Amino acid sequence: MQGMKQLSEFISDLHEKDVALKQGGDKSLAKLRAPLAKVVGDNDDIIKERISHLKKAPKLTKPVPIPPPKSPLAVFDQFFQPPFQYQWTDTGGDSGVGSAAANDQDGTISVGVGAANQNGYAAAGVGFLFQPPRDMVIYIEPLVTYNFNWLDLANFINASCSAFFAIRVQVFDGSSKSLVDTIDFTYPLWNDTAGWLDEHSNSGTGATINASPTIFVIGGYYYIIWFWFDISCANGFSTFSDGSIEARVNYVFLYSPN
C-alpha cells in the first residue's frame, strides 16, 4: 500500500539521522572517557551485574478499552472505533533490537526496544479511511490510553531512549486516488539520555494522549488517518536502554464546528 510504504520510509530516514547524531557525540567523548573506563572496568559483565540489581518493572499489559461518549453538538461529527481498517509496523537498526505489533481489529499497539551496545527503533500504528462530505475544517480528537516503562543505563558512554506518539494524515486525490499530501502531528512522550554511570528510568499505567489537531479537508478526497507510537534507543559500548509501550486507540472523534 502506497501510504504504508511512505510511512516506513519516513521512519527509517528519521532514525538513521538520529542515530548518526548520537553516535557522533559518543565518539567525540570516547577518548576522554577511556582512561577512567580502564580503571573501573568497561565490559558487559559490569552492565549485566548492574542490570540485575535494578528493580524490574512489571510486565506491561494492554489498556482496558473505553467506549466513546455521546456526540457533542457540532455541525459535523463522526466517531471511529475498532475495528479500524489498517495496521502498520516497522523496526530498524541492529537485528533483534526492536519489536512491534498492531491490531486494527481492537486498536491495540505494542512497541518495544531492548538495546545493549546497540541501536534500534520500533514503530506501530492503526488507521482508518475518511471521506469528508464537503470542504471544512475538522478537529481530530482520539482517546488513546497507554502503559509504558523505560530504562537508560550508562557506562561512561551515553545511553539514550526516546518515544513519541504521532498522528499522520495522508491525503489522496478523489479521482486518481494518488497521494497528494501528508500532514504530521508529533507528541513527545519522553527523551532521556544517561551519561557516565547514571541510571534513569520511569514507568506508568493509564496514561492518555492529549491531542486535538485541526486540518482542512476537501470534500470527495480520501484521507487515511494514522495513530502510531515510536520508541528509539541509541547506545555505545557497554551501555543499555530499554523501552516498552502497550497502547490502545479506543476511539477517534472527528468534528467540525462550522
C-alpha atoms as a PDB file:
ATOM      1  CA  MET A   1       0.000   0.000   0.000  1.00  0.00           C
ATOM      2  CA  GLN A   2       1.377   3.400  -1.005  1.00  0.00           C
ATOM      3  CA  GLY A   3       0.606   5.074   2.327  1.00  0.00           C
ATOM      4  CA  MET A   4       2.277   2.368   4.431  1.00  0.00           C
ATOM      5  CA  LYS A   5       5.433   2.388   2.281  1.00  0.00           C
ATOM      6  CA  GLN A   6       5.735   6.160   2.611  1.00  0.00           C
ATOM      7  CA  LEU A   7       5.319   5.950   6.380  1.00  0.00           C
ATOM      8  CA  SER A   8       8.029   3.260   6.689  1.00  0.00           C
ATOM      9  CA  GLU A   9      10.455   5.281   4.571  1.00  0.00           C
ATOM     10  CA  PHE A  10       9.793   8.358   6.709  1.00  0.00           C
ATOM     11  CA  ILE A  11      10.516   6.446   9.939  1.00  0.00           C
ATOM     12  CA  SER A  12      13.683   4.815   8.598  1.00  0.00           C
ATOM     13  CA  ASP A  13      15.127   8.145   7.463  1.00  0.00           C
ATOM     14  CA  LEU A  14      14.215   9.816  10.756  1.00  0.00           C
ATOM     15  CA  HIS A  15      16.052   7.231  12.851  1.00  0.00           C
ATOM     16  CA  GLU A  16      19.114   6.983  10.619  1.00  0.00           C
ATOM     17  CA  LYS A  17      19.729  10.719  11.161  1.00  0.00           C
ATOM     18  CA  ASP A  18      19.069  10.442  14.912  1.00  0.00           C
ATOM     19  CA  VAL A  19      21.461   7.511  15.424  1.00  0.00           C
ATOM     20  CA  ALA A  20      24.189   9.190  13.367  1.00  0.00           C
ATOM     21  CA  LEU A  21      23.948  12.319  15.507  1.00  0.00           C
ATOM     22  CA  LYS A  22      24.115  10.411  18.800  1.00  0.00           C
ATOM     23  CA  GLN A  23      26.966   8.167  17.659  1.00  0.00           C
ATOM     24  CA  GLY A  24      28.948  11.214  16.617  1.00  0.00           C
ATOM     25  CA  GLY A  25      28.655  12.634  20.127  1.00  0.00           C
ATOM     26  CA  ASP A  26      29.740   9.336  21.703  1.00  0.00           C
ATOM     27  CA  LYS A  27      32.840   9.074  19.534  1.00  0.00           C
ATOM     28  CA  SER A  28      33.941  12.580  20.461  1.00  0.00           C
ATOM     29  CA  LEU A  29      33.814  11.659  24.170  1.00  0.00           C
ATOM     30  CA  ALA A  30      35.329   8.196  23.901  1.00  0.00           C
ATOM     31  CA  LYS A  31      38.962   9.374  24.182  1.00  0.00           C
ATOM     32  CA  LEU A  32      38.194  11.405  27.299  1.00  0.00           C
ATOM     33  CA  ARG A  33      36.437   8.509  28.997  1.00  0.00           C
ATOM     34  CA  ALA A  34      38.901   5.765  28.021  1.00  0.00           C
ATOM     35  CA  PRO A  35      41.374   6.198  30.957  1.00  0.00           C
ATOM     36  CA  LEU A  36      38.565   6.084  33.540  1.00  0.00           C
ATOM     37  CA  ALA A  37      36.953   3.115  31.827  1.00  0.00           C
ATOM     38  CA  LYS A  38      40.200   1.135  32.147  1.00  0.00           C
ATOM     39  CA  VAL A  39      40.344   1.767  35.898  1.00  0.00           C
ATOM     40  CA  VAL A  40      36.713   0.988  36.714  1.00  0.00           C
ATOM     41  CA  GLY A  41      36.099  -1.598  34.033  1.00  0.00           C
ATOM     42  CA  ASP A  42      34.231  -1.227  30.761  1.00  0.00           C
ATOM     43  CA  ASN A  43      32.712  -4.565  29.812  1.00  0.00           C
ATOM     44  CA  ASP A  44      29.449  -6.438  29.502  1.00  0.00           C
ATOM     45  CA  ASP A  45      29.852  -8.183  32.883  1.00  0.00           C
ATOM     46  CA  ILE A  46      29.544  -4.858  34.693  1.00  0.00           C
ATOM     47  CA  ILE A  47      26.439  -3.972  32.714  1.00  0.00           C
ATOM     48  CA  LYS A  48      24.829  -7.358  33.451  1.00  0.00           C
ATOM     49  CA  GLU A  49      25.594  -7.023  37.158  1.00  0.00           C
ATOM     50  CA  ARG A  50      24.143  -3.520  37.343  1.00  0.00           C
ATOM     51  CA  ILE A  51      21.024  -4.530  35.430  1.00  0.00           C
ATOM     52  CA  SER A  52      20.435  -7.471  37.780  1.00  0.00           C
ATOM     53  CA  HIS A  53      20.340  -5.089  40.756  1.00  0.00           C
ATOM     54  CA  LEU A  54      17.804  -2.777  39.204  1.00  0.00           C
ATOM     55  CA  LYS A  55      14.178  -3.034  40.277  1.00  0.00           C
ATOM     56  CA  LYS A  56      12.433  -4.755  37.395  1.00  0.00           C
ATOM     57  CA  ALA A  57       9.302  -3.060  36.115  1.00  0.00           C
ATOM     58  CA  PRO A  58       6.183  -5.251  35.975  1.00  0.00           C
ATOM     59  CA  LYS A  59       5.264  -6.704  32.604  1.00  0.00           C
ATOM     60  CA  LEU A  60       3.108  -4.294  30.677  1.00  0.00           C
ATOM     61  CA  THR A  61      -0.475  -5.188  29.848  1.00  0.00           C
ATOM     62  CA  LYS A  62      -2.782  -3.679  27.254  1.00  0.00           C
ATOM     63  CA  PRO A  63      -5.068  -0.865  28.496  1.00  0.00           C
ATOM     64  CA  VAL A  64      -8.723  -1.682  29.115  1.00  0.00           C
ATOM     65  CA  PRO A  65     -10.941  -0.455  26.222  1.00  0.00           C
ATOM     66  CA  ILE A  66     -13.042   2.677  26.767  1.00  0.00           C
ATOM     67  CA  PRO A  67     -16.276   3.193  24.748  1.00  0.00           C
ATOM     68  CA  PRO A  68     -16.957   6.536  23.022  1.00  0.00           C
ATOM     69  CA  PRO A  69     -19.206   9.087  24.745  1.00  0.00           C
ATOM     70  CA  LYS A  70     -22.306  10.650  23.273  1.00  0.00           C
ATOM     71  CA  SER A  71     -21.519  13.038  20.440  1.00  0.00           C
ATOM     72  CA  PRO A  72     -21.284  16.710  21.468  1.00  0.00           C
ATOM     73  CA  LEU A  73     -23.151  19.349  19.485  1.00  0.00           C
ATOM     74  CA  ALA A  74     -21.396  20.074  16.200  1.00  0.00           C
ATOM     75  CA  VAL A  75     -22.374  20.868  12.628  1.00  0.00           C
ATOM     76  CA  PHE A  76     -20.492  17.725  11.515  1.00  0.00           C
ATOM     77  CA  ASP A  77     -19.328  14.902  13.744  1.00  0.00           C
ATOM     78  CA  GLN A  78     -18.354  11.287  13.297  1.00  0.00           C
ATOM     79  CA  PHE A  79     -16.942   8.632  15.651  1.00  0.00           C
ATOM     80  CA  PHE A  80     -14.489   5.950  14.550  1.00  0.00           C
ATOM     81  CA  GLN A  81     -13.727   2.999  16.812  1.00  0.00           C
ATOM     82  CA  PRO A  82     -12.299  -0.511  16.378  1.00  0.00           C
ATOM     83  CA  PRO A  83     -12.324  -2.402  14.181  1.00  0.00           C
ATOM     84  CA  PHE A  84     -10.282   0.018  12.072  1.00  0.00           C
ATOM     85  CA  GLN A  85      -9.118  -0.667   8.507  1.00  0.00           C
ATOM     86  CA  TYR A  86      -5.328  -0.526   8.553  1.00  0.00           C
ATOM     87  CA  GLN A  87      -2.406  -1.650  10.683  1.00  0.00           C
ATOM     88  CA  TRP A  88       1.292  -0.983  10.234  1.00  0.00           C
ATOM     89  CA  THR A  89       4.581  -1.909  11.918  1.00  0.00           C
ATOM     90  CA  ASP A  90       8.233  -1.101  11.329  1.00  0.00           C
ATOM     91  CA  THR A  91      11.537  -1.898  13.066  1.00  0.00           C
ATOM     92  CA  GLY A  92      15.078  -0.938  12.211  1.00  0.00           C
ATOM     93  CA  GLY A  93      18.641  -0.654  13.422  1.00  0.00           C
ATOM     94  CA  ASP A  94      20.575  -3.629  14.759  1.00  0.00           C
ATOM     95  CA  SER A  95      18.947  -7.031  14.282  1.00  0.00           C
ATOM     96  CA  GLY A  96      16.585  -8.197  17.006  1.00  0.00           C
ATOM     97  CA  VAL A  97      16.601  -4.939  18.956  1.00  0.00           C
ATOM     98  CA  GLY A  98      13.048  -3.772  18.238  1.00  0.00           C
ATOM     99  CA  SER A  99       9.651  -5.455  18.254  1.00  0.00           C
ATOM    100  CA  ALA A 100       6.341  -4.029  17.038  1.00  0.00           C
ATOM    101  CA  ALA A 101       2.731  -5.165  16.719  1.00  0.00           C
ATOM    102  CA  ALA A 102      -0.546  -3.524  15.772  1.00  0.00           C
ATOM    103  CA  ASN A 103      -4.084  -4.874  15.570  1.00  0.00           C
ATOM    104  CA  ASP A 104      -6.660  -2.927  13.560  1.00  0.00           C
ATOM    105  CA  GLN A 105      -9.453  -5.138  14.927  1.00  0.00           C
ATOM    106  CA  ASP A 106      -9.153  -3.946  18.539  1.00  0.00           C
ATOM    107  CA  GLY A 107      -6.979  -0.825  18.135  1.00  0.00           C
ATOM    108  CA  THR A 108      -4.064  -2.126  20.213  1.00  0.00           C
ATOM    109  CA  ILE A 109      -0.445  -1.158  19.583  1.00  0.00           C
ATOM    110  CA  SER A 110       2.729  -2.647  21.107  1.00  0.00           C
ATOM    111  CA  VAL A 111       6.287  -1.368  20.616  1.00  0.00           C
ATOM    112  CA  GLY A 112       9.449  -2.323  22.442  1.00  0.00           C
ATOM    113  CA  VAL A 113      13.200  -1.819  22.130  1.00  0.00           C
ATOM    114  CA  GLY A 114      15.894  -3.532  24.204  1.00  0.00           C
ATOM    115  CA  ALA A 115      19.366  -2.430  23.168  1.00  0.00           C
ATOM    116  CA  ALA A 116      22.661  -3.434  24.832  1.00  0.00           C
ATOM    117  CA  ASN A 117      25.609  -1.894  22.936  1.00  0.00           C
ATOM    118  CA  GLN A 118      23.195  -1.461  20.033  1.00  0.00           C
ATOM    119  CA  ASN A 119      20.862   0.966  18.291  1.00  0.00           C
ATOM    120  CA  GLY A 120      17.333   0.405  17.103  1.00  0.00           C
ATOM    121  CA  TYR A 121      13.753   1.541  16.889  1.00  0.00           C
ATOM    122  CA  ALA A 122      10.237   0.149  16.751  1.00  0.00           C
ATOM    123  CA  ALA A 123       7.080   1.809  15.462  1.00  0.00           C
ATOM    124  CA  ALA A 124       3.490   0.643  15.000  1.00  0.00           C
ATOM    125  CA  GLY A 125       0.063   2.113  14.418  1.00  0.00           C
ATOM    126  CA  VAL A 126      -3.502   1.726  13.230  1.00  0.00           C
ATOM    127  CA  GLY A 127      -5.538   3.841  10.839  1.00  0.00           C
ATOM    128  CA  PHE A 128      -8.825   4.294   9.028  1.00  0.00           C
ATOM    129  CA  LEU A 129     -10.187   5.814   5.837  1.00  0.00           C
ATOM    130  CA  PHE A 130     -12.254   9.001   5.951  1.00  0.00           C
ATOM    131  CA  GLN A 131     -14.004  10.777   3.050  1.00  0.00           C
ATOM    132  CA  PRO A 132     -15.497  14.141   4.053  1.00  0.00           C
ATOM    133  CA  PRO A 133     -18.851  15.131   2.534  1.00  0.00           C
ATOM    134  CA  ARG A 134     -17.721  18.753   1.931  1.00  0.00           C
ATOM    135  CA  ASP A 135     -14.844  21.186   2.359  1.00  0.00           C
ATOM    136  CA  MET A 136     -14.399  22.072   6.034  1.00  0.00           C
ATOM    137  CA  VAL A 137     -12.012  22.364   8.979  1.00  0.00           C
ATOM    138  CA  ILE A 138     -12.147  19.315  11.235  1.00  0.00           C
ATOM    139  CA  TYR A 139     -10.778  18.557  14.685  1.00  0.00           C
ATOM    140  CA  ILE A 140      -9.154  15.162  15.256  1.00  0.00           C
ATOM    141  CA  GLU A 141      -9.647  14.051  18.854  1.00  0.00           C
ATOM    142  CA  PRO A 142      -8.518  10.485  19.687  1.00  0.00           C
ATOM    143  CA  LEU A 143      -8.818   8.790  23.047  1.00  0.00           C
ATOM    144  CA  VAL A 144      -5.549   6.869  23.270  1.00  0.00           C
ATOM    145  CA  THR A 145      -4.525   5.156  26.509  1.00  0.00           C
ATOM    146  CA  TYR A 146      -1.144   3.553  27.131  1.00  0.00           C
ATOM    147  CA  ASN A 147       1.112   1.872  29.680  1.00  0.00           C
ATOM    148  CA  PHE A 148       4.865   2.366  29.476  1.00  0.00           C
ATOM    149  CA  ASN A 149       8.269   1.789  31.025  1.00  0.00           C
ATOM    150  CA  TRP A 150      11.796   2.738  30.028  1.00  0.00           C
ATOM    151  CA  LEU A 151      15.354   2.494  31.336  1.00  0.00           C
ATOM    152  CA  ASP A 152      18.711   4.042  30.411  1.00  0.00           C
ATOM    153  CA  LEU A 153      21.859   2.531  31.928  1.00  0.00           C
ATOM    154  CA  ALA A 154      25.138   4.275  31.027  1.00  0.00           C
ATOM    155  CA  ASN A 155      28.694   3.027  31.463  1.00  0.00           C
ATOM    156  CA  PHE A 156      30.903   6.004  30.550  1.00  0.00           C
ATOM    157  CA  ILE A 157      29.234   6.108  27.133  1.00  0.00           C
ATOM    158  CA  ASN A 158      25.768   7.675  26.862  1.00  0.00           C
ATOM    159  CA  ALA A 159      22.624   5.557  26.833  1.00  0.00           C
ATOM    160  CA  SER A 160      19.591   7.174  25.181  1.00  0.00           C
ATOM    161  CA  CYS A 161      15.935   6.283  24.827  1.00  0.00           C
ATOM    162  CA  SER A 162      13.080   8.378  23.447  1.00  0.00           C
ATOM    163  CA  ALA A 163       9.476   7.879  22.413  1.00  0.00           C
ATOM    164  CA  PHE A 164       6.667   9.786  20.772  1.00  0.00           C
ATOM    165  CA  PHE A 165       3.061   9.471  19.668  1.00  0.00           C
ATOM    166  CA  ALA A 166       2.077  10.784  16.262  1.00  0.00           C
ATOM    167  CA  ILE A 167      -0.919  11.405  14.061  1.00  0.00           C
ATOM    168  CA  ARG A 168      -0.307  11.252  10.315  1.00  0.00           C
ATOM    169  CA  VAL A 169      -2.935  12.299   7.776  1.00  0.00           C
ATOM    170  CA  GLN A 170      -2.344  11.065   4.226  1.00  0.00           C
ATOM    171  CA  VAL A 171      -4.365  12.861   1.563  1.00  0.00           C
ATOM    172  CA  PHE A 172      -5.378  11.078  -1.641  1.00  0.00           C
ATOM    173  CA  ASP A 173      -6.941  12.671  -4.707  1.00  0.00           C
ATOM    174  CA  GLY A 174     -10.623  11.817  -5.083  1.00  0.00           C
ATOM    175  CA  SER A 175     -10.403  10.732  -8.729  1.00  0.00           C
ATOM    176  CA  SER A 176      -6.878   9.343  -9.289  1.00  0.00           C
ATOM    177  CA  LYS A 177      -6.513   8.184  -5.682  1.00  0.00           C
ATOM    178  CA  SER A 178      -2.842   9.221  -5.782  1.00  0.00           C
ATOM    179  CA  LEU A 179      -1.092  10.528  -2.652  1.00  0.00           C
ATOM    180  CA  VAL A 180      -1.031  14.334  -2.841  1.00  0.00           C
ATOM    181  CA  ASP A 181      -0.119  15.488   0.679  1.00  0.00           C
ATOM    182  CA  THR A 182       0.947  14.355   4.145  1.00  0.00           C
ATOM    183  CA  ILE A 183       0.300  16.144   7.423  1.00  0.00           C
ATOM    184  CA  ASP A 184       2.119  15.138  10.620  1.00  0.00           C
ATOM    185  CA  PHE A 185       1.444  15.932  14.277  1.00  0.00           C
ATOM    186  CA  THR A 186       4.003  14.670  16.810  1.00  0.00           C
ATOM    187  CA  TYR A 187       3.703  14.496  20.616  1.00  0.00           C
ATOM    188  CA  PRO A 188       6.877  13.614  22.585  1.00  0.00           C
ATOM    189  CA  LEU A 189       6.436  11.115  25.442  1.00  0.00           C
ATOM    190  CA  TRP A 190       9.997  11.004  26.796  1.00  0.00           C
ATOM    191  CA  ASN A 191      13.504  11.871  25.620  1.00  0.00           C
ATOM    192  CA  ASP A 192      16.225  10.735  28.006  1.00  0.00           C
ATOM    193  CA  THR A 193      19.998  10.402  27.945  1.00  0.00           C
ATOM    194  CA  ALA A 194      22.042   8.934  30.807  1.00  0.00           C
ATOM    195  CA  GLY A 195      25.782   9.616  30.995  1.00  0.00           C
ATOM    196  CA  TRP A 196      28.788   8.261  32.889  1.00  0.00           C
ATOM    197  CA  LEU A 197      27.400   5.744  35.422  1.00  0.00           C
ATOM    198  CA  ASP A 198      23.881   7.160  35.625  1.00  0.00           C
ATOM    199  CA  GLU A 199      20.697   5.114  35.648  1.00  0.00           C
ATOM    200  CA  HIS A 200      17.422   6.746  34.563  1.00  0.00           C
ATOM    201  CA  SER A 201      14.021   5.045  34.447  1.00  0.00           C
ATOM    202  CA  ASN A 202      10.300   5.683  34.586  1.00  0.00           C
ATOM    203  CA  SER A 203       7.028   3.787  34.168  1.00  0.00           C
ATOM    204  CA  GLY A 204       3.311   4.423  34.245  1.00  0.00           C
ATOM    205  CA  THR A 205      -0.122   2.941  33.586  1.00  0.00           C
ATOM    206  CA  GLY A 206      -3.342   4.500  32.353  1.00  0.00           C
ATOM    207  CA  ALA A 207      -1.634   7.429  30.625  1.00  0.00           C
ATOM    208  CA  THR A 208      -3.598   9.294  27.949  1.00  0.00           C
ATOM    209  CA  ILE A 209      -2.638  11.298  24.891  1.00  0.00           C
ATOM    210  CA  ASN A 210      -3.706  14.946  24.861  1.00  0.00           C
ATOM    211  CA  ALA A 211      -4.104  15.711  21.158  1.00  0.00           C
ATOM    212  CA  SER A 212      -6.638  17.739  19.175  1.00  0.00           C
ATOM    213  CA  PRO A 213      -5.068  18.867  15.884  1.00  0.00           C
ATOM    214  CA  THR A 214      -7.083  20.567  13.140  1.00  0.00           C
ATOM    215  CA  ILE A 215      -6.846  20.150   9.385  1.00  0.00           C
ATOM    216  CA  PHE A 216      -8.687  21.482   6.356  1.00  0.00           C
ATOM    217  CA  VAL A 217     -10.305  18.690   4.340  1.00  0.00           C
ATOM    218  CA  ILE A 218     -11.681  18.706   0.807  1.00  0.00           C
ATOM    219  CA  GLY A 219     -14.995  17.050   0.049  1.00  0.00           C
ATOM    220  CA  GLY A 220     -14.585  13.955  -2.128  1.00  0.00           C
ATOM    221  CA  TYR A 221     -10.896  13.447  -1.277  1.00  0.00           C
ATOM    222  CA  TYR A 222      -9.757  10.371   0.658  1.00  0.00           C
ATOM    223  CA  TYR A 223      -7.928  10.672   3.983  1.00  0.00           C
ATOM    224  CA  ILE A 224      -6.116   7.892   5.828  1.00  0.00           C
ATOM    225  CA  ILE A 225      -5.597   8.947   9.428  1.00  0.00           C
ATOM    226  CA  TRP A 226      -2.897   7.031  11.314  1.00  0.00           C
ATOM    227  CA  PHE A 227      -2.274   6.881  15.062  1.00  0.00           C
ATOM    228  CA  TRP A 228       1.100   5.427  15.979  1.00  0.00           C
ATOM    229  CA  PHE A 229       3.854   5.105  18.580  1.00  0.00           C
ATOM    230  CA  ASP A 230       7.613   5.082  18.166  1.00  0.00           C
ATOM    231  CA  ILE A 231      10.470   4.118  20.513  1.00  0.00           C
ATOM    232  CA  SER A 232      14.143   4.664  19.697  1.00  0.00           C
ATOM    233  CA  CYS A 233      17.279   3.631  21.644  1.00  0.00           C
ATOM    234  CA  ALA A 234      20.888   4.519  20.847  1.00  0.00           C
ATOM    235  CA  ASN A 235      23.832   3.145  22.830  1.00  0.00           C
ATOM    236  CA  GLY A 236      27.597   2.945  22.812  1.00  0.00           C
ATOM    237  CA  PHE A 237      29.860   0.191  24.109  1.00  0.00           C
ATOM    238  CA  SER A 238      28.651  -1.430  27.371  1.00  0.00           C
ATOM    239  CA  THR A 239      25.503   0.688  27.708  1.00  0.00           C
ATOM    240  CA  PHE A 240      21.894  -0.454  27.846  1.00  0.00           C
ATOM    241  CA  SER A 241      18.490   1.051  27.043  1.00  0.00           C
ATOM    242  CA  ASP A 242      15.033  -0.443  27.144  1.00  0.00           C
ATOM    243  CA  GLY A 243      11.597   0.968  26.394  1.00  0.00           C
ATOM    244  CA  SER A 244       8.115  -0.541  26.037  1.00  0.00           C
ATOM    245  CA  ILE A 245       4.628   0.770  25.281  1.00  0.00           C
ATOM    246  CA  GLU A 246       1.292  -1.061  25.305  1.00  0.00           C
ATOM    247  CA  ALA A 247      -1.423   1.198  23.884  1.00  0.00           C
ATOM    248  CA  ARG A 248      -4.988   1.228  22.674  1.00  0.00           C
ATOM    249  CA  VAL A 249      -6.783   3.631  20.330  1.00  0.00           C
ATOM    250  CA  ASN A 250     -10.220   3.448  21.961  1.00  0.00           C
ATOM    251  CA  TYR A 251     -11.977   5.773  19.537  1.00  0.00           C
ATOM    252  CA  VAL A 252     -11.443   8.843  17.383  1.00  0.00           C
ATOM    253  CA  PHE A 253     -13.844  11.760  17.199  1.00  0.00           C
ATOM    254  CA  LEU A 254     -13.844  13.934  14.071  1.00  0.00           C
ATOM    255  CA  TYR A 255     -15.951  17.068  14.161  1.00  0.00           C
ATOM    256  CA  SER A 256     -16.370  20.478  12.575  1.00  0.00           C
ATOM    257  CA  PRO A 257     -17.913  23.434  14.459  1.00  0.00           C
ATOM    258  CA  ASN A 258     -18.990  25.146  11.220  1.00  0.00           C
END
